[in-house]
Amino acid sequence: MSTHEHHDHGHDHSHGHAHDHTTFQPDIREPSEEWEFLEIALRELLIDKGVITAREVQDQIEAWEKKSPEGGARVVAKAWTDDGFRQRLLEDGNAAVAELGFEIEALKLVALENTDDLHHMVVCTLCSCYPRPLLGVPPLWYKSREYRSRAVREPRAILAEFGTELPETTEVRVVDSTADCRYLVIPRRPDGTEGMSEAELAALVSRDSMIGTATAFAPDGEGRSG
């Protein structure tokens, strides 16, 4: 995988020495950051100039909040059960998800498949770029300064704090979302899921597994603590 094509940071951060930092806690809100102040200022300016209304802004917020990771889980389950769809998804994410009714306009969707040898983890180092049509609103930890900085420097430490332990032989590859590109991780299909329907498989796919901070749930319920 080339650095240019997938914004790969080019590092396999698999070192195991101790790190001097505060333990990362998912879903703890950090103070507002500079980009959030800029967003508020721009929104208020557009409302003041009559370009948009406060009601239109609120309607869009409510519409986005209704979206959920269930859409992405449907896509992953389809990829697990349909090799043709999986190949199309890897080749052209936008066209493939459109087959299931998900339109992602003006953005490139790149699907990344996790295997025994390679594990992808997604971050947006600048702000919070995220495939919202498939996963809904990003979690607070994804937008936090700590995750955005540490995911690049020490992804295995972050994974461990999410309870995700990978073999040392598995390469961890961090990919950086951009303003015009979004990533969807296809987690490894759990063992023991042969014969399960797409709906049953979709229930094993969590939001975090499609970001890459977790793996898919086992069919016996293992790993469903979060």
C-alpha atoms as a PDB file:
ATOM      1  CA  MET A   1       0.000   0.000   0.000  1.00  0.00           C
ATOM      2  CA  SER A   2       1.507   3.312  -1.014  1.00  0.00           C
ATOM      3  CA  THR A   3       1.761   6.294   1.250  1.00  0.00           C
ATOM      4  CA  HIS A   4       0.215   8.533  -1.397  1.00  0.00           C
ATOM      5  CA  GLU A   5      -2.781   6.335  -2.100  1.00  0.00           C
ATOM      6  CA  HIS A   6      -3.856   5.623   1.454  1.00  0.00           C
ATOM      7  CA  HIS A   7      -2.131   8.400   3.425  1.00  0.00           C
ATOM      8  CA  ASP A   8      -0.126   5.750   5.232  1.00  0.00           C
ATOM      9  CA  HIS A   9       2.204   7.183   7.835  1.00  0.00           C
ATOM     10  CA  GLY A  10       4.666   4.479   6.851  1.00  0.00           C
ATOM     11  CA  HIS A  11       5.363   3.198  10.333  1.00  0.00           C
ATOM     12  CA  ASP A  12       4.677  -0.084  12.043  1.00  0.00           C
ATOM     13  CA  HIS A  13       4.545   1.214  15.583  1.00  0.00           C
ATOM     14  CA  SER A  14       4.929  -2.166  17.229  1.00  0.00           C
ATOM     15  CA  HIS A  15       7.413  -1.224  19.931  1.00  0.00           C
ATOM     16  CA  GLY A  16       6.525  -2.531  23.345  1.00  0.00           C
ATOM     17  CA  HIS A  17       8.373  -0.245  25.760  1.00  0.00           C
ATOM     18  CA  ALA A  18       6.590   1.758  28.435  1.00  0.00           C
ATOM     19  CA  HIS A  19       5.186   5.188  27.583  1.00  0.00           C
ATOM     20  CA  ASP A  20       5.081   8.240  29.803  1.00  0.00           C
ATOM     21  CA  HIS A  21       1.573   9.544  29.270  1.00  0.00           C
ATOM     22  CA  THR A  22      -1.816   9.757  30.851  1.00  0.00           C
ATOM     23  CA  THR A  23      -3.899   6.686  30.127  1.00  0.00           C
ATOM     24  CA  PHE A  24      -6.279   7.359  27.266  1.00  0.00           C
ATOM     25  CA  GLN A  25      -9.940   7.222  28.281  1.00  0.00           C
ATOM     26  CA  PRO A  26     -12.451   6.865  25.428  1.00  0.00           C
ATOM     27  CA  ASP A  27     -15.467   9.169  25.345  1.00  0.00           C
ATOM     28  CA  ILE A  28     -14.133  11.764  27.790  1.00  0.00           C
ATOM     29  CA  ARG A  29     -14.764  15.222  26.366  1.00  0.00           C
ATOM     30  CA  GLU A  30     -11.797  17.544  26.012  1.00  0.00           C
ATOM     31  CA  PRO A  31     -12.107  21.347  26.085  1.00  0.00           C
ATOM     32  CA  SER A  32     -13.199  22.926  22.796  1.00  0.00           C
ATOM     33  CA  GLU A  33     -10.399  23.208  20.237  1.00  0.00           C
ATOM     34  CA  GLU A  34      -9.520  25.927  17.743  1.00  0.00           C
ATOM     35  CA  TRP A  35     -11.379  24.332  14.825  1.00  0.00           C
ATOM     36  CA  GLU A  36     -14.551  24.199  16.931  1.00  0.00           C
ATOM     37  CA  PHE A  37     -14.355  27.938  17.632  1.00  0.00           C
ATOM     38  CA  LEU A  38     -13.831  28.548  13.906  1.00  0.00           C
ATOM     39  CA  GLU A  39     -16.883  26.433  13.053  1.00  0.00           C
ATOM     40  CA  ILE A  40     -19.048  28.365  15.494  1.00  0.00           C
ATOM     41  CA  ALA A  41     -17.828  31.703  14.143  1.00  0.00           C
ATOM     42  CA  LEU A  42     -18.443  30.684  10.526  1.00  0.00           C
ATOM     43  CA  ARG A  43     -21.895  29.279  11.320  1.00  0.00           C
ATOM     44  CA  GLU A  44     -22.943  32.444  13.158  1.00  0.00           C
ATOM     45  CA  LEU A  45     -21.639  34.601  10.307  1.00  0.00           C
ATOM     46  CA  LEU A  46     -23.626  32.630   7.707  1.00  0.00           C
ATOM     47  CA  ILE A  47     -26.762  32.900   9.837  1.00  0.00           C
ATOM     48  CA  ASP A  48     -26.205  36.641  10.389  1.00  0.00           C
ATOM     49  CA  LYS A  49     -25.787  37.186   6.620  1.00  0.00           C
ATOM     50  CA  GLY A  50     -28.942  35.227   5.864  1.00  0.00           C
ATOM     51  CA  VAL A  51     -27.163  32.498   3.892  1.00  0.00           C
ATOM     52  CA  ILE A  52     -28.612  29.826   6.176  1.00  0.00           C
ATOM     53  CA  THR A  53     -30.988  29.840   9.118  1.00  0.00           C
ATOM     54  CA  ALA A  54     -30.517  28.473  12.612  1.00  0.00           C
ATOM     55  CA  ARG A  55     -33.435  26.117  11.939  1.00  0.00           C
ATOM     56  CA  GLU A  56     -31.705  24.705   8.860  1.00  0.00           C
ATOM     57  CA  VAL A  57     -28.555  24.114  10.881  1.00  0.00           C
ATOM     58  CA  GLN A  58     -30.513  22.328  13.593  1.00  0.00           C
ATOM     59  CA  ASP A  59     -32.381  20.217  11.036  1.00  0.00           C
ATOM     60  CA  GLN A  60     -29.088  19.066   9.545  1.00  0.00           C
ATOM     61  CA  ILE A  61     -27.676  18.261  12.986  1.00  0.00           C
ATOM     62  CA  GLU A  62     -30.744  16.182  13.815  1.00  0.00           C
ATOM     63  CA  ALA A  63     -30.563  14.399  10.456  1.00  0.00           C
ATOM     64  CA  TRP A  64     -26.920  13.429  11.034  1.00  0.00           C
ATOM     65  CA  GLU A  65     -27.669  12.306  14.582  1.00  0.00           C
ATOM     66  CA  LYS A  66     -30.225   9.822  13.211  1.00  0.00           C
ATOM     67  CA  LYS A  67     -27.505   8.068  11.209  1.00  0.00           C
ATOM     68  CA  SER A  68     -25.793   5.198  12.973  1.00  0.00           C
ATOM     69  CA  PRO A  69     -23.031   2.603  12.530  1.00  0.00           C
ATOM     70  CA  GLU A  70     -25.698   0.101  11.470  1.00  0.00           C
ATOM     71  CA  GLY A  71     -25.242   1.266   7.876  1.00  0.00           C
ATOM     72  CA  GLY A  72     -21.545   0.489   7.908  1.00  0.00           C
ATOM     73  CA  ALA A  73     -22.236  -2.837   9.612  1.00  0.00           C
ATOM     74  CA  ARG A  74     -24.531  -3.781   6.735  1.00  0.00           C
ATOM     75  CA  VAL A  75     -21.753  -2.983   4.276  1.00  0.00           C
ATOM     76  CA  VAL A  76     -19.223  -5.096   6.200  1.00  0.00           C
ATOM     77  CA  ALA A  77     -21.602  -8.047   6.529  1.00  0.00           C
ATOM     78  CA  LYS A  78     -22.259  -7.927   2.790  1.00  0.00           C
ATOM     79  CA  ALA A  79     -18.508  -7.892   2.135  1.00  0.00           C
ATOM     80  CA  TRP A  80     -18.055 -10.924   4.405  1.00  0.00           C
ATOM     81  CA  THR A  81     -20.657 -12.967   2.561  1.00  0.00           C
ATOM     82  CA  ASP A  82     -20.300 -11.781  -1.038  1.00  0.00           C
ATOM     83  CA  ASP A  83     -16.805 -11.956  -2.524  1.00  0.00           C
ATOM     84  CA  GLY A  84     -17.890 -10.028  -5.598  1.00  0.00           C
ATOM     85  CA  PHE A  85     -19.215  -7.168  -3.491  1.00  0.00           C
ATOM     86  CA  ARG A  86     -16.101  -7.240  -1.296  1.00  0.00           C
ATOM     87  CA  GLN A  87     -13.893  -6.844  -4.353  1.00  0.00           C
ATOM     88  CA  ARG A  88     -16.021  -3.988  -5.689  1.00  0.00           C
ATOM     89  CA  LEU A  89     -15.903  -2.334  -2.265  1.00  0.00           C
ATOM     90  CA  LEU A  90     -12.112  -2.501  -2.191  1.00  0.00           C
ATOM     91  CA  GLU A  91     -11.844  -1.176  -5.749  1.00  0.00           C
ATOM     92  CA  ASP A  92     -14.443   1.608  -5.584  1.00  0.00           C
ATOM     93  CA  GLY A  93     -15.981   2.205  -2.182  1.00  0.00           C
ATOM     94  CA  ASN A  94     -18.416   4.884  -3.346  1.00  0.00           C
ATOM     95  CA  ALA A  95     -19.939   2.747  -6.093  1.00  0.00           C
ATOM     96  CA  ALA A  96     -20.146  -0.344  -3.900  1.00  0.00           C
ATOM     97  CA  VAL A  97     -21.968   1.274  -0.973  1.00  0.00           C
ATOM     98  CA  ALA A  98     -24.332   2.958  -3.448  1.00  0.00           C
ATOM     99  CA  GLU A  99     -25.519  -0.558  -4.312  1.00  0.00           C
ATOM    100  CA  LEU A 100     -26.884  -0.702  -0.755  1.00  0.00           C
ATOM    101  CA  GLY A 101     -28.440   2.754  -0.929  1.00  0.00           C
ATOM    102  CA  PHE A 102     -25.664   4.812   0.666  1.00  0.00           C
ATOM    103  CA  GLU A 103     -24.716   7.881  -1.356  1.00  0.00           C
ATOM    104  CA  ILE A 104     -21.391   9.503  -0.468  1.00  0.00           C
ATOM    105  CA  GLU A 105     -21.013  12.538  -2.681  1.00  0.00           C
ATOM    106  CA  ALA A 106     -17.946  14.744  -3.228  1.00  0.00           C
ATOM    107  CA  LEU A 107     -15.819  12.442  -1.064  1.00  0.00           C
ATOM    108  CA  LYS A 108     -13.771   9.376  -1.884  1.00  0.00           C
ATOM    109  CA  LEU A 109     -14.567   6.324   0.247  1.00  0.00           C
ATOM    110  CA  VAL A 110     -11.699   3.864   0.639  1.00  0.00           C
ATOM    111  CA  ALA A 111     -12.359   0.467   2.187  1.00  0.00           C
ATOM    112  CA  LEU A 112      -9.441  -1.194   3.959  1.00  0.00           C
ATOM    113  CA  GLU A 113      -9.528  -4.906   4.732  1.00  0.00           C
ATOM    114  CA  ASN A 114      -8.007  -6.236   7.945  1.00  0.00           C
ATOM    115  CA  THR A 115      -6.290  -9.616   7.769  1.00  0.00           C
ATOM    116  CA  ASP A 116      -4.217 -11.844  10.020  1.00  0.00           C
ATOM    117  CA  ASP A 117      -1.115  -9.976   8.841  1.00  0.00           C
ATOM    118  CA  LEU A 118      -2.376  -6.395   8.572  1.00  0.00           C
ATOM    119  CA  HIS A 119      -4.589  -4.282  10.833  1.00  0.00           C
ATOM    120  CA  HIS A 120      -5.743  -0.792   9.819  1.00  0.00           C
ATOM    121  CA  MET A 121      -6.640   1.980  12.227  1.00  0.00           C
ATOM    122  CA  VAL A 122      -8.170   5.300  11.142  1.00  0.00           C
ATOM    123  CA  VAL A 123      -7.477   8.742  12.526  1.00  0.00           C
ATOM    124  CA  CYS A 124      -8.014  12.308  11.400  1.00  0.00           C
ATOM    125  CA  THR A 125      -4.996  14.222  12.641  1.00  0.00           C
ATOM    126  CA  LEU A 126      -6.406  17.638  11.692  1.00  0.00           C
ATOM    127  CA  CYS A 127      -9.976  17.503  12.997  1.00  0.00           C
ATOM    128  CA  SER A 128     -12.621  14.765  12.783  1.00  0.00           C
ATOM    129  CA  CYS A 129     -13.067  13.669   9.145  1.00  0.00           C
ATOM    130  CA  TYR A 130     -15.220  10.554   9.306  1.00  0.00           C
ATOM    131  CA  PRO A 131     -17.560   8.497   7.043  1.00  0.00           C
ATOM    132  CA  ARG A 132     -20.719   9.863   8.655  1.00  0.00           C
ATOM    133  CA  PRO A 133     -23.185   8.472   6.082  1.00  0.00           C
ATOM    134  CA  LEU A 134     -22.075   4.978   7.160  1.00  0.00           C
ATOM    135  CA  LEU A 135     -21.066   5.416  10.790  1.00  0.00           C
ATOM    136  CA  GLY A 136     -23.090   8.381  12.016  1.00  0.00           C
ATOM    137  CA  VAL A 137     -21.627  11.024  14.312  1.00  0.00           C
ATOM    138  CA  PRO A 138     -18.006  10.348  15.371  1.00  0.00           C
ATOM    139  CA  PRO A 139     -17.422   9.484  19.032  1.00  0.00           C
ATOM    140  CA  LEU A 140     -15.902  12.098  21.305  1.00  0.00           C
ATOM    141  CA  TRP A 141     -12.633  10.198  21.666  1.00  0.00           C
ATOM    142  CA  TYR A 142     -12.127  10.177  17.879  1.00  0.00           C
ATOM    143  CA  LYS A 143     -12.197  13.985  17.862  1.00  0.00           C
ATOM    144  CA  SER A 144      -9.975  14.381  20.926  1.00  0.00           C
ATOM    145  CA  ARG A 145      -6.499  15.864  20.615  1.00  0.00           C
ATOM    146  CA  GLU A 146      -5.040  12.924  22.523  1.00  0.00           C
ATOM    147  CA  TYR A 147      -6.354  10.272  20.134  1.00  0.00           C
ATOM    148  CA  ARG A 148      -5.406  12.322  17.074  1.00  0.00           C
ATOM    149  CA  SER A 149      -1.811  12.649  18.218  1.00  0.00           C
ATOM    150  CA  ARG A 150      -1.206   9.325  19.927  1.00  0.00           C
ATOM    151  CA  ALA A 151      -2.810   7.157  17.241  1.00  0.00           C
ATOM    152  CA  VAL A 152       0.011   8.111  14.896  1.00  0.00           C
ATOM    153  CA  ARG A 153       2.831   7.781  17.416  1.00  0.00           C
ATOM    154  CA  GLU A 154       1.770   4.708  19.380  1.00  0.00           C
ATOM    155  CA  PRO A 155      -1.182   2.892  17.816  1.00  0.00           C
ATOM    156  CA  ARG A 156      -0.549  -0.355  19.687  1.00  0.00           C
ATOM    157  CA  ALA A 157      -0.805   1.479  22.994  1.00  0.00           C
ATOM    158  CA  ILE A 158      -4.113   2.995  21.922  1.00  0.00           C
ATOM    159  CA  LEU A 159      -5.375  -0.409  20.784  1.00  0.00           C
ATOM    160  CA  ALA A 160      -4.418  -1.944  24.118  1.00  0.00           C
ATOM    161  CA  GLU A 161      -6.379   0.737  25.973  1.00  0.00           C
ATOM    162  CA  PHE A 162      -9.412  -0.217  23.902  1.00  0.00           C
ATOM    163  CA  GLY A 163      -8.808  -3.839  24.918  1.00  0.00           C
ATOM    164  CA  THR A 164      -7.548  -4.823  21.473  1.00  0.00           C
ATOM    165  CA  GLU A 165      -4.450  -7.015  21.602  1.00  0.00           C
ATOM    166  CA  LEU A 166      -2.885  -8.071  18.313  1.00  0.00           C
ATOM    167  CA  PRO A 167      -0.036 -10.512  17.648  1.00  0.00           C
ATOM    168  CA  GLU A 168       3.354  -8.867  17.240  1.00  0.00           C
ATOM    169  CA  THR A 169       3.454 -10.407  13.768  1.00  0.00           C
ATOM    170  CA  THR A 170       0.443  -8.332  12.698  1.00  0.00           C
ATOM    171  CA  GLU A 171       1.406  -5.019  11.120  1.00  0.00           C
ATOM    172  CA  VAL A 172      -0.549  -2.036  12.427  1.00  0.00           C
ATOM    173  CA  ARG A 173      -1.065   0.570   9.718  1.00  0.00           C
ATOM    174  CA  VAL A 174      -2.485   3.981  10.607  1.00  0.00           C
ATOM    175  CA  VAL A 175      -4.318   5.889   7.869  1.00  0.00           C
ATOM    176  CA  ASP A 176      -5.128   9.583   8.054  1.00  0.00           C
ATOM    177  CA  SER A 177      -8.514  10.817   6.841  1.00  0.00           C
ATOM    178  CA  THR A 178      -8.472  14.011   4.798  1.00  0.00           C
ATOM    179  CA  ALA A 179     -10.954  16.634   3.713  1.00  0.00           C
ATOM    180  CA  ASP A 180     -11.759  14.681   0.538  1.00  0.00           C
ATOM    181  CA  CYS A 181     -11.164  11.057   1.578  1.00  0.00           C
ATOM    182  CA  ARG A 182     -12.847   8.822   4.140  1.00  0.00           C
ATOM    183  CA  TYR A 183     -11.921   5.316   5.258  1.00  0.00           C
ATOM    184  CA  LEU A 184     -14.008   2.305   6.242  1.00  0.00           C
ATOM    185  CA  VAL A 185     -12.214  -0.605   7.897  1.00  0.00           C
ATOM    186  CA  ILE A 186     -13.500  -4.083   7.063  1.00  0.00           C
ATOM    187  CA  PRO A 187     -12.682  -6.022  10.233  1.00  0.00           C
ATOM    188  CA  ARG A 188     -11.692  -9.679  10.090  1.00  0.00           C
ATOM    189  CA  ARG A 189     -14.696 -11.985  10.066  1.00  0.00           C
ATOM    190  CA  PRO A 190     -14.816 -13.809  13.412  1.00  0.00           C
ATOM    191  CA  ASP A 191     -14.305 -17.550  13.523  1.00  0.00           C
ATOM    192  CA  GLY A 192     -17.371 -19.699  14.011  1.00  0.00           C
ATOM    193  CA  THR A 193     -19.696 -17.502  11.940  1.00  0.00           C
ATOM    194  CA  GLU A 194     -20.148 -19.899   9.047  1.00  0.00           C
ATOM    195  CA  GLY A 195     -23.803 -20.165   8.084  1.00  0.00           C
ATOM    196  CA  MET A 196     -24.837 -16.939   9.813  1.00  0.00           C
ATOM    197  CA  SER A 197     -27.096 -14.568   7.880  1.00  0.00           C
ATOM    198  CA  GLU A 198     -26.053 -11.068   6.870  1.00  0.00           C
ATOM    199  CA  ALA A 199     -28.271  -9.611   9.594  1.00  0.00           C
ATOM    200  CA  GLU A 200     -26.673 -11.847  12.213  1.00  0.00           C
ATOM    201  CA  LEU A 201     -23.204 -10.953  10.986  1.00  0.00           C
ATOM    202  CA  ALA A 202     -23.986  -7.232  10.965  1.00  0.00           C
ATOM    203  CA  ALA A 203     -24.774  -7.478  14.688  1.00  0.00           C
ATOM    204  CA  LEU A 204     -21.150  -8.520  15.263  1.00  0.00           C
ATOM    205  CA  VAL A 205     -19.768  -5.365  13.620  1.00  0.00           C
ATOM    206  CA  SER A 206     -19.221  -2.442  15.984  1.00  0.00           C
ATOM    207  CA  ARG A 207     -18.495   1.187  15.204  1.00  0.00           C
ATOM    208  CA  ASP A 208     -15.026   0.838  16.714  1.00  0.00           C
ATOM    209  CA  SER A 209     -14.208  -2.197  14.575  1.00  0.00           C
ATOM    210  CA  MET A 210     -14.907  -0.096  11.466  1.00  0.00           C
ATOM    211  CA  ILE A 211     -12.514   2.569  12.761  1.00  0.00           C
ATOM    212  CA  GLY A 212      -9.977  -0.087  13.608  1.00  0.00           C
ATOM    213  CA  THR A 213      -9.671   0.415  17.349  1.00  0.00           C
ATOM    214  CA  ALA A 214     -11.434  -2.894  17.949  1.00  0.00           C
ATOM    215  CA  THR A 215     -12.128  -6.205  16.284  1.00  0.00           C
ATOM    216  CA  ALA A 216     -15.544  -7.615  15.419  1.00  0.00           C
ATOM    217  CA  PHE A 217     -17.479  -9.323  18.192  1.00  0.00           C
ATOM    218  CA  ALA A 218     -17.258 -13.080  18.518  1.00  0.00           C
ATOM    219  CA  PRO A 219     -20.549 -14.924  17.892  1.00  0.00           C
ATOM    220  CA  ASP A 220     -20.623 -16.078  21.519  1.00  0.00           C
ATOM    221  CA  GLY A 221     -20.792 -12.482  22.693  1.00  0.00           C
ATOM    222  CA  GLU A 222     -17.149 -12.125  23.659  1.00  0.00           C
ATOM    223  CA  GLY A 223     -15.921  -8.547  23.450  1.00  0.00           C
ATOM    224  CA  ARG A 224     -19.333  -6.892  23.917  1.00  0.00           C
ATOM    225  CA  SER A 225     -18.364  -4.866  26.974  1.00  0.00           C
ATOM    226  CA  GLY A 226     -18.473  -1.553  25.114  1.00  0.00           C
END
